[in-house]
């Protein structure tokens, strides 16, 4: 009978150990998932903020010399920020257009900004 108790105790100990290991794994997975989710939300928030800053100069529908300076200074940051290609392309074209931004480029940027901020 002593052998039976030892065997039962061993089985119970093994079950407890298995449950503990599984619980730790679940906790680690949950923590990892939460950290990943937080990082994604932070990155998305940063992208939205960069879009807002890049689109702010054209929100009133007009583009003046000061707006062009702001846009030209942001082109590299926008390109490296992983923003939608429509915004990057329109900002590139706007920055390259000099003092006179064609109406179609302005319209493309307004549309791209509106779509990105939805």
PDB file of N, CA and C in Angstrom:
ATOM      1  N   UNK A   1       0.793  -1.192   0.000  1.00  0.00           N
ATOM      2  CA  UNK A   1       0.000   0.000   0.000  1.00  0.00           C
ATOM      3  C   UNK A   1       0.845   1.270   0.000  1.00  0.00           C
ATOM      4  N   UNK A   2       1.984   1.224   0.577  1.00  0.00           N
ATOM      5  CA  UNK A   2       2.854   2.378   0.588  1.00  0.00           C
ATOM      6  C   UNK A   2       3.202   2.780  -0.843  1.00  0.00           C
ATOM      7  N   UNK A   3       3.399   1.795  -1.649  1.00  0.00           N
ATOM      8  CA  UNK A   3       3.729   2.050  -3.045  1.00  0.00           C
ATOM      9  C   UNK A   3       2.576   2.769  -3.748  1.00  0.00           C
ATOM     10  N   UNK A   4       1.321   2.409  -3.430  1.00  0.00           N
ATOM     11  CA  UNK A   4       0.145   3.043  -4.019  1.00  0.00           C
ATOM     12  C   UNK A   4       0.064   4.505  -3.636  1.00  0.00           C
ATOM     13  N   UNK A   5       0.312   4.792  -2.381  1.00  0.00           N
ATOM     14  CA  UNK A   5       0.259   6.194  -1.955  1.00  0.00           C
ATOM     15  C   UNK A   5       1.347   6.998  -2.639  1.00  0.00           C
ATOM     16  N   UNK A   6       2.511   6.452  -2.752  1.00  0.00           N
ATOM     17  CA  UNK A   6       3.608   7.158  -3.405  1.00  0.00           C
ATOM     18  C   UNK A   6       3.281   7.395  -4.863  1.00  0.00           C
ATOM     19  N   UNK A   7       2.676   6.402  -5.484  1.00  0.00           N
ATOM     20  CA  UNK A   7       2.308   6.539  -6.887  1.00  0.00           C
ATOM     21  C   UNK A   7       1.223   7.607  -7.028  1.00  0.00           C
ATOM     22  N   UNK A   8       0.245   7.633  -6.146  1.00  0.00           N
ATOM     23  CA  UNK A   8      -0.821   8.634  -6.183  1.00  0.00           C
ATOM     24  C   UNK A   8      -0.239  10.025  -5.933  1.00  0.00           C
ATOM     25  N   UNK A   9       0.634  10.117  -4.956  1.00  0.00           N
ATOM     26  CA  UNK A   9       1.256  11.405  -4.645  1.00  0.00           C
ATOM     27  C   UNK A   9       2.077  11.889  -5.835  1.00  0.00           C
ATOM     28  N   UNK A  10       2.765  10.974  -6.484  1.00  0.00           N
ATOM     29  CA  UNK A  10       3.570  11.323  -7.657  1.00  0.00           C
ATOM     30  C   UNK A  10       2.676  11.806  -8.792  1.00  0.00           C
ATOM     31  N   UNK A  11       1.573  11.130  -9.013  1.00  0.00           N
ATOM     32  CA  UNK A  11       0.645  11.539 -10.067  1.00  0.00           C
ATOM     33  C   UNK A  11       0.040  12.914  -9.767  1.00  0.00           C
ATOM     34  N   UNK A  12      -0.337  13.139  -8.520  1.00  0.00           N
ATOM     35  CA  UNK A  12      -0.906  14.432  -8.137  1.00  0.00           C
ATOM     36  C   UNK A  12       0.142  15.529  -8.294  1.00  0.00           C
ATOM     37  N   UNK A  13       1.362  15.257  -7.862  1.00  0.00           N
ATOM     38  CA  UNK A  13       2.439  16.244  -7.999  1.00  0.00           C
ATOM     39  C   UNK A  13       2.690  16.564  -9.465  1.00  0.00           C
ATOM     40  N   UNK A  14       2.685  15.532 -10.285  1.00  0.00           N
ATOM     41  CA  UNK A  14       2.886  15.739 -11.722  1.00  0.00           C
ATOM     42  C   UNK A  14       1.781  16.574 -12.333  1.00  0.00           C
ATOM     43  N   UNK A  15       0.550  16.308 -11.915  1.00  0.00           N
ATOM     44  CA  UNK A  15      -0.587  17.073 -12.436  1.00  0.00           C
ATOM     45  C   UNK A  15      -0.486  18.538 -12.021  1.00  0.00           C
ATOM     46  N   UNK A  16      -0.112  18.782 -10.773  1.00  0.00           N
ATOM     47  CA  UNK A  16       0.044  20.157 -10.278  1.00  0.00           C
ATOM     48  C   UNK A  16       1.158  20.865 -11.043  1.00  0.00           C
ATOM     49  N   UNK A  17       2.261  20.185 -11.266  1.00  0.00           N
ATOM     50  CA  UNK A  17       3.383  20.764 -12.010  1.00  0.00           C
ATOM     51  C   UNK A  17       2.967  21.091 -13.440  1.00  0.00           C
ATOM     52  N   UNK A  18       2.242  20.176 -14.059  1.00  0.00           N
ATOM     53  CA  UNK A  18       1.780  20.404 -15.423  1.00  0.00           C
ATOM     54  C   UNK A  18       0.838  21.601 -15.493  1.00  0.00           C
ATOM     55  N   UNK A  19      -0.085  21.699 -14.567  1.00  0.00           N
ATOM     56  CA  UNK A  19      -1.004  22.840 -14.536  1.00  0.00           C
ATOM     57  C   UNK A  19      -0.261  24.147 -14.289  1.00  0.00           C
ATOM     58  N   UNK A  20       0.755  24.115 -13.427  1.00  0.00           N
ATOM     59  CA  UNK A  20       1.532  25.335 -13.160  1.00  0.00           C
ATOM     60  C   UNK A  20       2.271  25.781 -14.406  1.00  0.00           C
ATOM     61  N   UNK A  21       2.889  24.828 -15.087  1.00  0.00           N
ATOM     62  CA  UNK A  21       3.639  25.171 -16.298  1.00  0.00           C
ATOM     63  C   UNK A  21       2.697  25.720 -17.367  1.00  0.00           C
ATOM     64  N   UNK A  22       1.548  25.112 -17.509  1.00  0.00           N
ATOM     65  CA  UNK A  22       0.574  25.579 -18.484  1.00  0.00           C
ATOM     66  C   UNK A  22       0.075  26.972 -18.110  1.00  0.00           C
ATOM     67  N   UNK A  23      -0.161  27.200 -16.847  1.00  0.00           N
ATOM     68  CA  UNK A  23      -0.613  28.516 -16.382  1.00  0.00           C
ATOM     69  C   UNK A  23       0.418  29.587 -16.654  1.00  0.00           C
ATOM     70  N   UNK A  24       1.694  29.294 -16.416  1.00  0.00           N
ATOM     71  CA  UNK A  24       2.770  30.259 -16.670  1.00  0.00           C
ATOM     72  C   UNK A  24       2.858  30.568 -18.156  1.00  0.00           C
ATOM     73  N   UNK A  25       2.706  29.542 -18.957  1.00  0.00           N
ATOM     74  CA  UNK A  25       2.758  29.726 -20.405  1.00  0.00           C
ATOM     75  C   UNK A  25       1.604  30.615 -20.867  1.00  0.00           C
ATOM     76  N   UNK A  26       0.434  30.389 -20.314  1.00  0.00           N
ATOM     77  CA  UNK A  26      -0.734  31.192 -20.674  1.00  0.00           C
ATOM     78  C   UNK A  26      -0.542  32.640 -20.260  1.00  0.00           C
ATOM     79  N   UNK A  27      -0.006  32.842 -19.080  1.00  0.00           N
ATOM     80  CA  UNK A  27       0.256  34.208 -18.600  1.00  0.00           C
ATOM     81  C   UNK A  27       1.278  34.894 -19.504  1.00  0.00           C
ATOM     82  N   UNK A  28       2.334  34.175 -19.872  1.00  0.00           N
ATOM     83  CA  UNK A  28       3.354  34.751 -20.745  1.00  0.00           C
ATOM     84  C   UNK A  28       2.763  35.092 -22.111  1.00  0.00           C
ATOM     85  N   UNK A  29       1.920  34.200 -22.651  1.00  0.00           N
ATOM     86  CA  UNK A  29       1.289  34.469 -23.942  1.00  0.00           C
ATOM     87  C   UNK A  29       0.377  35.690 -23.862  1.00  0.00           C
ATOM     88  N   UNK A  30      -0.366  35.803 -22.779  1.00  0.00           N
ATOM     89  CA  UNK A  30      -1.265  36.937 -22.596  1.00  0.00           C
ATOM     90  C   UNK A  30      -0.479  38.236 -22.495  1.00  0.00           C
ATOM     91  N   UNK A  31       0.610  38.217 -21.736  1.00  0.00           N
ATOM     92  CA  UNK A  31       1.445  39.418 -21.587  1.00  0.00           C
ATOM     93  C   UNK A  31       2.066  39.805 -22.921  1.00  0.00           C
ATOM     94  N   UNK A  32       2.543  38.820 -23.660  1.00  0.00           N
ATOM     95  CA  UNK A  32       3.139  39.088 -24.963  1.00  0.00           C
ATOM     96  C   UNK A  32       2.114  39.670 -25.925  1.00  0.00           C
ATOM     97  N   UNK A  33       0.915  39.113 -25.906  1.00  0.00           N
ATOM     98  CA  UNK A  33      -0.160  39.598 -26.769  1.00  0.00           C
ATOM     99  C   UNK A  33      -0.544  41.029 -26.412  1.00  0.00           C
ATOM    100  N   UNK A  34      -0.614  41.325 -25.134  1.00  0.00           N
ATOM    101  CA  UNK A  34      -0.960  42.677 -24.688  1.00  0.00           C
ATOM    102  C   UNK A  34       0.116  43.677 -25.101  1.00  0.00           C
ATOM    103  N   UNK A  35       1.368  43.284 -24.967  1.00  0.00           N
ATOM    104  CA  UNK A  35       2.472  44.175 -25.360  1.00  0.00           C
ATOM    105  C   UNK A  35       2.448  44.423 -26.866  1.00  0.00           C
ATOM    106  N   UNK A  36       2.192  43.389 -27.641  1.00  0.00           N
ATOM    107  CA  UNK A  36       2.124  43.527 -29.087  1.00  0.00           C
ATOM    108  C   UNK A  36       0.969  44.435 -29.489  1.00  0.00           C
ATOM    109  N   UNK A  37      -0.160  44.260 -28.846  1.00  0.00           N
ATOM    110  CA  UNK A  37      -1.335  45.090 -29.126  1.00  0.00           C
ATOM    111  C   UNK A  37      -1.060  46.550 -28.788  1.00  0.00           C
ATOM    112  N   UNK A  38      -0.412  46.786 -27.671  1.00  0.00           N
ATOM    113  CA  UNK A  38      -0.081  48.158 -27.262  1.00  0.00           C
ATOM    114  C   UNK A  38       0.879  48.801 -28.256  1.00  0.00           C
ATOM    115  N   UNK A  39       1.856  48.032 -28.718  1.00  0.00           N
ATOM    116  CA  UNK A  39       2.819  48.566 -29.687  1.00  0.00           C
ATOM    117  C   UNK A  39       2.128  48.901 -31.003  1.00  0.00           C
ATOM    118  N   UNK A  40       1.207  48.061 -31.429  1.00  0.00           N
ATOM    119  CA  UNK A  40       0.467  48.309 -32.665  1.00  0.00           C
ATOM    120  C   UNK A  40      -0.388  49.563 -32.529  1.00  0.00           C
ATOM    121  N   UNK A  41      -1.059  49.707 -31.401  1.00  0.00           N
ATOM    122  CA  UNK A  41      -1.888  50.892 -31.176  1.00  0.00           C
ATOM    123  C   UNK A  41      -1.044  52.156 -31.148  1.00  0.00           C
ATOM    124  N   UNK A  42       0.132  52.078 -30.557  1.00  0.00           N
ATOM    125  CA  UNK A  42       1.030  53.229 -30.504  1.00  0.00           C
ATOM    126  C   UNK A  42       1.494  53.607 -31.904  1.00  0.00           C
ATOM    127  N   UNK A  43       1.873  52.611 -32.696  1.00  0.00           N
ATOM    128  CA  UNK A  43       2.318  52.873 -34.066  1.00  0.00           C
ATOM    129  C   UNK A  43       1.188  53.458 -34.908  1.00  0.00           C
ATOM    130  N   UNK A  44      -0.014  52.920 -34.760  1.00  0.00           N
ATOM    131  CA  UNK A  44      -1.165  53.446 -35.495  1.00  0.00           C
ATOM    132  C   UNK A  44      -1.461  54.881 -35.098  1.00  0.00           C
ATOM    133  N   UNK A  45      -1.360  55.163 -33.813  1.00  0.00           N
ATOM    134  CA  UNK A  45      -1.578  56.525 -33.328  1.00  0.00           C
ATOM    135  C   UNK A  45      -0.543  57.493 -33.878  1.00  0.00           C
ATOM    136  N   UNK A  46       0.698  57.043 -33.940  1.00  0.00           N
ATOM    137  CA  UNK A  46       1.770  57.887 -34.482  1.00  0.00           C
ATOM    138  C   UNK A  46       1.545  58.162 -35.970  1.00  0.00           C
ATOM    139  N   UNK A  47       1.105  57.138 -36.707  1.00  0.00           N
ATOM    140  CA  UNK A  47       0.816  57.330 -38.136  1.00  0.00           C
ATOM    141  C   UNK A  47      -0.320  58.325 -38.328  1.00  0.00           C
ATOM    142  N   UNK A  48      -1.373  58.171 -37.534  1.00  0.00           N
ATOM    143  CA  UNK A  48      -2.519  59.100 -37.645  1.00  0.00           C
ATOM    144  C   UNK A  48      -2.069  60.531 -37.355  1.00  0.00           C
ATOM    145  N   UNK A  49      -1.225  60.697 -36.356  1.00  0.00           N
ATOM    146  CA  UNK A  49      -0.743  62.038 -36.009  1.00  0.00           C
ATOM    147  C   UNK A  49       0.112  62.614 -37.134  1.00  0.00           C
ATOM    148  N   UNK A  50       0.960  61.799 -37.737  1.00  0.00           N
ATOM    149  CA  UNK A  50       1.788  62.261 -38.849  1.00  0.00           C
ATOM    150  C   UNK A  50       0.913  62.636 -40.041  1.00  0.00           C
ATOM    151  N   UNK A  51      -0.127  61.859 -40.294  1.00  0.00           N
ATOM    152  CA  UNK A  51      -1.062  62.187 -41.382  1.00  0.00           C
ATOM    153  C   UNK A  51      -1.733  63.527 -41.098  1.00  0.00           C
ATOM    154  N   UNK A  52      -2.183  63.724 -39.852  1.00  0.00           N
ATOM    155  CA  UNK A  52      -2.823  64.988 -39.492  1.00  0.00           C
ATOM    156  C   UNK A  52      -1.888  66.168 -39.721  1.00  0.00           C
ATOM    157  N   UNK A  53      -0.626  66.013 -39.321  1.00  0.00           N
ATOM    158  CA  UNK A  53       0.345  67.094 -39.489  1.00  0.00           C
ATOM    159  C   UNK A  53       0.638  67.360 -40.958  1.00  0.00           C
ATOM    160  N   UNK A  54       0.744  66.276 -41.738  1.00  0.00           N
ATOM    161  CA  UNK A  54       1.040  66.440 -43.161  1.00  0.00           C
ATOM    162  C   UNK A  54      -0.143  67.054 -43.901  1.00  0.00           C
ATOM    163  N   UNK A  55      -1.343  66.759 -43.449  1.00  0.00           N
ATOM    164  CA  UNK A  55      -2.545  67.242 -44.131  1.00  0.00           C
ATOM    165  C   UNK A  55      -3.028  68.599 -43.629  1.00  0.00           C
ATOM    166  N   UNK A  56      -2.572  69.013 -42.475  1.00  0.00           N
ATOM    167  CA  UNK A  56      -3.045  70.266 -41.876  1.00  0.00           C
ATOM    168  C   UNK A  56      -2.894  71.479 -42.800  1.00  0.00           C
ATOM    169  N   UNK A  57      -1.767  71.651 -43.501  1.00  0.00           N
ATOM    170  CA  UNK A  57      -1.631  72.857 -44.326  1.00  0.00           C
ATOM    171  C   UNK A  57      -2.665  72.979 -45.445  1.00  0.00           C
ATOM    172  N   UNK A  58      -3.278  71.880 -45.863  1.00  0.00           N
ATOM    173  CA  UNK A  58      -4.206  71.956 -46.986  1.00  0.00           C
ATOM    174  C   UNK A  58      -5.657  71.790 -46.562  1.00  0.00           C
ATOM    175  N   UNK A  59      -5.922  71.740 -45.272  1.00  0.00           N
ATOM    176  CA  UNK A  59      -7.281  71.511 -44.800  1.00  0.00           C
ATOM    177  C   UNK A  59      -8.259  72.603 -45.230  1.00  0.00           C
ATOM    178  N   UNK A  60      -7.773  73.827 -45.397  1.00  0.00           N
ATOM    179  CA  UNK A  60      -8.677  74.911 -45.788  1.00  0.00           C
ATOM    180  C   UNK A  60      -8.883  74.971 -47.302  1.00  0.00           C
ATOM    181  N   UNK A  61      -8.225  74.077 -48.048  1.00  0.00           N
ATOM    182  CA  UNK A  61      -8.410  74.020 -49.495  1.00  0.00           C
ATOM    183  C   UNK A  61      -7.492  74.938 -50.278  1.00  0.00           C
ATOM    184  N   UNK A  62      -6.655  75.703 -49.588  1.00  0.00           N
ATOM    185  CA  UNK A  62      -5.705  76.569 -50.277  1.00  0.00           C
ATOM    186  C   UNK A  62      -4.287  76.226 -49.836  1.00  0.00           C
ATOM    187  N   UNK A  63      -3.343  76.542 -50.698  1.00  0.00           N
ATOM    188  CA  UNK A  63      -1.947  76.285 -50.365  1.00  0.00           C
ATOM    189  C   UNK A  63      -1.162  77.547 -50.669  1.00  0.00           C
ATOM    190  N   UNK A  64      -0.527  78.091 -49.638  1.00  0.00           N
ATOM    191  CA  UNK A  64       0.288  79.290 -49.824  1.00  0.00           C
ATOM    192  C   UNK A  64       1.765  78.930 -49.655  1.00  0.00           C
ATOM    193  N   UNK A  65       2.631  79.904 -49.734  1.00  0.00           N
ATOM    194  CA  UNK A  65       4.077  79.661 -49.662  1.00  0.00           C
ATOM    195  C   UNK A  65       4.477  79.031 -48.327  1.00  0.00           C
ATOM    196  N   UNK A  66       3.854  79.473 -47.249  1.00  0.00           N
ATOM    197  CA  UNK A  66       4.173  78.903 -45.930  1.00  0.00           C
ATOM    198  C   UNK A  66       3.759  77.435 -45.877  1.00  0.00           C
ATOM    199  N   UNK A  67       2.590  77.123 -46.449  1.00  0.00           N
ATOM    200  CA  UNK A  67       2.139  75.731 -46.491  1.00  0.00           C
ATOM    201  C   UNK A  67       3.115  74.868 -47.286  1.00  0.00           C
ATOM    202  N   UNK A  68       3.588  75.401 -48.397  1.00  0.00           N
ATOM    203  CA  UNK A  68       4.538  74.653 -49.230  1.00  0.00           C
ATOM    204  C   UNK A  68       5.824  74.346 -48.470  1.00  0.00           C
ATOM    205  N   UNK A  69       6.297  75.305 -47.670  1.00  0.00           N
ATOM    206  CA  UNK A  69       7.501  75.066 -46.871  1.00  0.00           C
ATOM    207  C   UNK A  69       7.273  73.928 -45.874  1.00  0.00           C
ATOM    208  N   UNK A  70       6.128  73.966 -45.214  1.00  0.00           N
ATOM    209  CA  UNK A  70       5.804  72.924 -44.234  1.00  0.00           C
ATOM    210  C   UNK A  70       5.741  71.569 -44.928  1.00  0.00           C
ATOM    211  N   UNK A  71       5.044  71.504 -46.049  1.00  0.00           N
ATOM    212  CA  UNK A  71       4.890  70.247 -46.782  1.00  0.00           C
ATOM    213  C   UNK A  71       6.245  69.739 -47.263  1.00  0.00           C
ATOM    214  N   UNK A  72       7.051  70.622 -47.839  1.00  0.00           N
ATOM    215  CA  UNK A  72       8.367  70.213 -48.341  1.00  0.00           C
ATOM    216  C   UNK A  72       9.247  69.680 -47.218  1.00  0.00           C
ATOM    217  N   UNK A  73       9.136  70.264 -46.027  1.00  0.00           N
ATOM    218  CA  UNK A  73       9.967  69.810 -44.911  1.00  0.00           C
ATOM    219  C   UNK A  73       9.514  68.458 -44.366  1.00  0.00           C
ATOM    220  N   UNK A  74       8.276  68.070 -44.649  1.00  0.00           N
ATOM    221  CA  UNK A  74       7.730  66.826 -44.102  1.00  0.00           C
ATOM    222  C   UNK A  74       7.813  65.641 -45.057  1.00  0.00           C
ATOM    223  N   UNK A  75       8.190  65.870 -46.311  1.00  0.00           N
ATOM    224  CA  UNK A  75       8.140  64.800 -47.309  1.00  0.00           C
ATOM    225  C   UNK A  75       8.945  63.580 -46.875  1.00  0.00           C
ATOM    226  N   UNK A  76      10.173  63.781 -46.429  1.00  0.00           N
ATOM    227  CA  UNK A  76      11.010  62.637 -46.027  1.00  0.00           C
ATOM    228  C   UNK A  76      10.425  61.906 -44.828  1.00  0.00           C
ATOM    229  N   UNK A  77       9.946  62.651 -43.845  1.00  0.00           N
ATOM    230  CA  UNK A  77       9.365  62.017 -42.656  1.00  0.00           C
ATOM    231  C   UNK A  77       8.132  61.208 -43.024  1.00  0.00           C
ATOM    232  N   UNK A  78       7.323  61.740 -43.914  1.00  0.00           N
ATOM    233  CA  UNK A  78       6.110  61.042 -44.337  1.00  0.00           C
ATOM    234  C   UNK A  78       6.468  59.773 -45.092  1.00  0.00           C
ATOM    235  N   UNK A  79       7.452  59.877 -45.960  1.00  0.00           N
ATOM    236  CA  UNK A  79       7.876  58.712 -46.744  1.00  0.00           C
ATOM    237  C   UNK A  79       8.397  57.604 -45.820  1.00  0.00           C
ATOM    238  N   UNK A  80       9.188  57.964 -44.833  1.00  0.00           N
ATOM    239  CA  UNK A  80       9.764  56.987 -43.911  1.00  0.00           C
ATOM    240  C   UNK A  80       8.770  56.526 -42.850  1.00  0.00           C
ATOM    241  N   UNK A  81       7.669  57.249 -42.678  1.00  0.00           N
ATOM    242  CA  UNK A  81       6.690  56.913 -41.662  1.00  0.00           C
ATOM    243  C   UNK A  81       5.723  55.817 -42.062  1.00  0.00           C
ATOM    244  N   UNK A  82       5.866  55.291 -43.280  1.00  0.00           N
ATOM    245  CA  UNK A  82       4.996  54.210 -43.717  1.00  0.00           C
ATOM    246  C   UNK A  82       3.563  54.648 -43.963  1.00  0.00           C
ATOM    247  N   UNK A  83       3.382  55.886 -44.390  1.00  0.00           N
ATOM    248  CA  UNK A  83       2.036  56.390 -44.631  1.00  0.00           C
ATOM    249  C   UNK A  83       1.503  55.896 -45.976  1.00  0.00           C
ATOM    250  N   UNK A  84       0.206  56.054 -46.190  1.00  0.00           N
ATOM    251  CA  UNK A  84      -0.375  55.581 -47.449  1.00  0.00           C
ATOM    252  C   UNK A  84       0.344  56.168 -48.653  1.00  0.00           C
ATOM    253  N   UNK A  85       0.579  55.354 -49.674  1.00  0.00           N
ATOM    254  CA  UNK A  85       1.310  55.819 -50.851  1.00  0.00           C
ATOM    255  C   UNK A  85       0.640  57.001 -51.550  1.00  0.00           C
ATOM    256  N   UNK A  86      -0.683  57.112 -51.453  1.00  0.00           N
ATOM    257  CA  UNK A  86      -1.379  58.227 -52.091  1.00  0.00           C
ATOM    258  C   UNK A  86      -0.952  59.565 -51.483  1.00  0.00           C
ATOM    259  N   UNK A  87      -0.770  59.574 -50.162  1.00  0.00           N
ATOM    260  CA  UNK A  87      -0.338  60.808 -49.492  1.00  0.00           C
ATOM    261  C   UNK A  87       1.108  61.105 -49.848  1.00  0.00           C
ATOM    262  N   UNK A  88       1.952  60.082 -49.799  1.00  0.00           N
ATOM    263  CA  UNK A  88       3.375  60.279 -50.102  1.00  0.00           C
ATOM    264  C   UNK A  88       3.549  60.795 -51.518  1.00  0.00           C
ATOM    265  N   UNK A  89       2.855  60.184 -52.466  1.00  0.00           N
ATOM    266  CA  UNK A  89       2.959  60.584 -53.870  1.00  0.00           C
ATOM    267  C   UNK A  89       2.492  62.028 -54.070  1.00  0.00           C
ATOM    268  N   UNK A  90       1.357  62.378 -53.475  1.00  0.00           N
ATOM    269  CA  UNK A  90       0.829  63.733 -53.620  1.00  0.00           C
ATOM    270  C   UNK A  90       1.761  64.758 -52.971  1.00  0.00           C
ATOM    271  N   UNK A  91       2.302  64.425 -51.801  1.00  0.00           N
ATOM    272  CA  UNK A  91       3.242  65.346 -51.142  1.00  0.00           C
ATOM    273  C   UNK A  91       4.525  65.493 -51.940  1.00  0.00           C
ATOM    274  N   UNK A  92       5.016  64.392 -52.512  1.00  0.00           N
ATOM    275  CA  UNK A  92       6.199  64.462 -53.374  1.00  0.00           C
ATOM    276  C   UNK A  92       5.949  65.394 -54.559  1.00  0.00           C
ATOM    277  N   UNK A  93       4.812  65.205 -55.212  1.00  0.00           N
ATOM    278  CA  UNK A  93       4.474  66.035 -56.375  1.00  0.00           C
ATOM    279  C   UNK A  93       4.305  67.494 -55.971  1.00  0.00           C
ATOM    280  N   UNK A  94       3.707  67.717 -54.809  1.00  0.00           N
ATOM    281  CA  UNK A  94       3.510  69.084 -54.339  1.00  0.00           C
ATOM    282  C   UNK A  94       4.853  69.746 -54.040  1.00  0.00           C
ATOM    283  N   UNK A  95       5.730  69.027 -53.361  1.00  0.00           N
ATOM    284  CA  UNK A  95       7.040  69.585 -53.015  1.00  0.00           C
ATOM    285  C   UNK A  95       7.871  69.851 -54.271  1.00  0.00           C
ATOM    286  N   UNK A  96       7.713  69.016 -55.282  1.00  0.00           N
ATOM    287  CA  UNK A  96       8.483  69.163 -56.522  1.00  0.00           C
ATOM    288  C   UNK A  96       7.910  70.233 -57.441  1.00  0.00           C
ATOM    289  N   UNK A  97       6.700  70.696 -57.179  1.00  0.00           N
ATOM    290  CA  UNK A  97       6.040  71.624 -58.102  1.00  0.00           C
ATOM    291  C   UNK A  97       6.505  73.068 -57.959  1.00  0.00           C
ATOM    292  N   UNK A  98       7.279  73.361 -56.961  1.00  0.00           N
ATOM    293  CA  UNK A  98       7.763  74.727 -56.790  1.00  0.00           C
ATOM    294  C   UNK A  98       6.706  75.615 -56.165  1.00  0.00           C
ATOM    295  N   UNK A  99       6.663  76.872 -56.614  1.00  0.00           N
ATOM    296  CA  UNK A  99       5.751  77.853 -56.021  1.00  0.00           C
ATOM    297  C   UNK A  99       4.307  77.684 -56.470  1.00  0.00           C
ATOM    298  N   UNK A 100       4.086  77.074 -57.606  1.00  0.00           N
ATOM    299  CA  UNK A 100       2.742  76.917 -58.146  1.00  0.00           C
ATOM    300  C   UNK A 100       2.340  75.447 -58.144  1.00  0.00           C
ATOM    301  N   UNK A 101       1.496  75.081 -57.200  1.00  0.00           N
ATOM    302  CA  UNK A 101       1.044  73.696 -57.094  1.00  0.00           C
ATOM    303  C   UNK A 101      -0.163  73.525 -58.012  1.00  0.00           C
ATOM    304  N   UNK A 102      -0.073  72.573 -58.943  1.00  0.00           N
ATOM    305  CA  UNK A 102      -1.216  72.342 -59.840  1.00  0.00           C
ATOM    306  C   UNK A 102      -2.468  71.936 -59.056  1.00  0.00           C
ATOM    307  N   UNK A 103      -3.613  72.331 -59.550  1.00  0.00           N
ATOM    308  CA  UNK A 103      -4.893  72.056 -58.874  1.00  0.00           C
ATOM    309  C   UNK A 103      -5.128  70.561 -58.716  1.00  0.00           C
ATOM    310  N   UNK A 104      -4.710  69.758 -59.712  1.00  0.00           N
ATOM    311  CA  UNK A 104      -4.939  68.312 -59.609  1.00  0.00           C
ATOM    312  C   UNK A 104      -4.113  67.691 -58.486  1.00  0.00           C
ATOM    313  N   UNK A 105      -2.915  68.236 -58.246  1.00  0.00           N
ATOM    314  CA  UNK A 105      -2.077  67.736 -57.146  1.00  0.00           C
ATOM    315  C   UNK A 105      -2.720  68.099 -55.815  1.00  0.00           C
ATOM    316  N   UNK A 106      -3.216  69.316 -55.704  1.00  0.00           N
ATOM    317  CA  UNK A 106      -3.913  69.734 -54.487  1.00  0.00           C
ATOM    318  C   UNK A 106      -5.123  68.840 -54.231  1.00  0.00           C
ATOM    319  N   UNK A 107      -5.884  68.586 -55.276  1.00  0.00           N
ATOM    320  CA  UNK A 107      -7.088  67.752 -55.136  1.00  0.00           C
ATOM    321  C   UNK A 107      -6.720  66.329 -54.722  1.00  0.00           C
ATOM    322  N   UNK A 108      -5.642  65.790 -55.305  1.00  0.00           N
ATOM    323  CA  UNK A 108      -5.190  64.441 -54.927  1.00  0.00           C
ATOM    324  C   UNK A 108      -4.814  64.380 -53.465  1.00  0.00           C
ATOM    325  N   UNK A 109      -4.114  65.412 -52.993  1.00  0.00           N
ATOM    326  CA  UNK A 109      -3.687  65.424 -51.593  1.00  0.00           C
ATOM    327  C   UNK A 109      -4.888  65.564 -50.659  1.00  0.00           C
ATOM    328  N   UNK A 110      -5.814  66.413 -51.006  1.00  0.00           N
ATOM    329  CA  UNK A 110      -7.020  66.578 -50.176  1.00  0.00           C
ATOM    330  C   UNK A 110      -7.771  65.253 -50.096  1.00  0.00           C
ATOM    331  N   UNK A 111      -7.943  64.587 -51.227  1.00  0.00           N
ATOM    332  CA  UNK A 111      -8.651  63.301 -51.253  1.00  0.00           C
ATOM    333  C   UNK A 111      -7.896  62.250 -50.450  1.00  0.00           C
ATOM    334  N   UNK A 112      -6.577  62.184 -50.638  1.00  0.00           N
ATOM    335  CA  UNK A 112      -5.763  61.196 -49.917  1.00  0.00           C
ATOM    336  C   UNK A 112      -5.832  61.436 -48.403  1.00  0.00           C
ATOM    337  N   UNK A 113      -5.791  62.703 -48.005  1.00  0.00           N
ATOM    338  CA  UNK A 113      -5.873  63.022 -46.575  1.00  0.00           C
ATOM    339  C   UNK A 113      -7.241  62.654 -46.010  1.00  0.00           C
ATOM    340  N   UNK A 114      -8.283  63.009 -46.750  1.00  0.00           N
ATOM    341  CA  UNK A 114      -9.628  62.668 -46.292  1.00  0.00           C
ATOM    342  C   UNK A 114      -9.804  61.169 -46.130  1.00  0.00           C
ATOM    343  N   UNK A 115      -9.316  60.404 -47.095  1.00  0.00           N
ATOM    344  CA  UNK A 115      -9.427  58.933 -47.028  1.00  0.00           C
ATOM    345  C   UNK A 115      -8.609  58.353 -45.891  1.00  0.00           C
ATOM    346  N   UNK A 116      -7.439  58.922 -45.625  1.00  0.00           N
ATOM    347  CA  UNK A 116      -6.559  58.380 -44.579  1.00  0.00           C
ATOM    348  C   UNK A 116      -7.059  58.697 -43.187  1.00  0.00           C
ATOM    349  N   UNK A 117      -7.799  59.766 -43.041  1.00  0.00           N
ATOM    350  CA  UNK A 117      -8.252  60.185 -41.713  1.00  0.00           C
ATOM    351  C   UNK A 117      -9.635  59.665 -41.365  1.00  0.00           C
ATOM    352  N   UNK A 118     -10.188  58.834 -42.219  1.00  0.00           N
ATOM    353  CA  UNK A 118     -11.527  58.268 -41.951  1.00  0.00           C
ATOM    354  C   UNK A 118     -11.437  57.216 -40.890  1.00  0.00           C
TER     355      UNK A 118
END
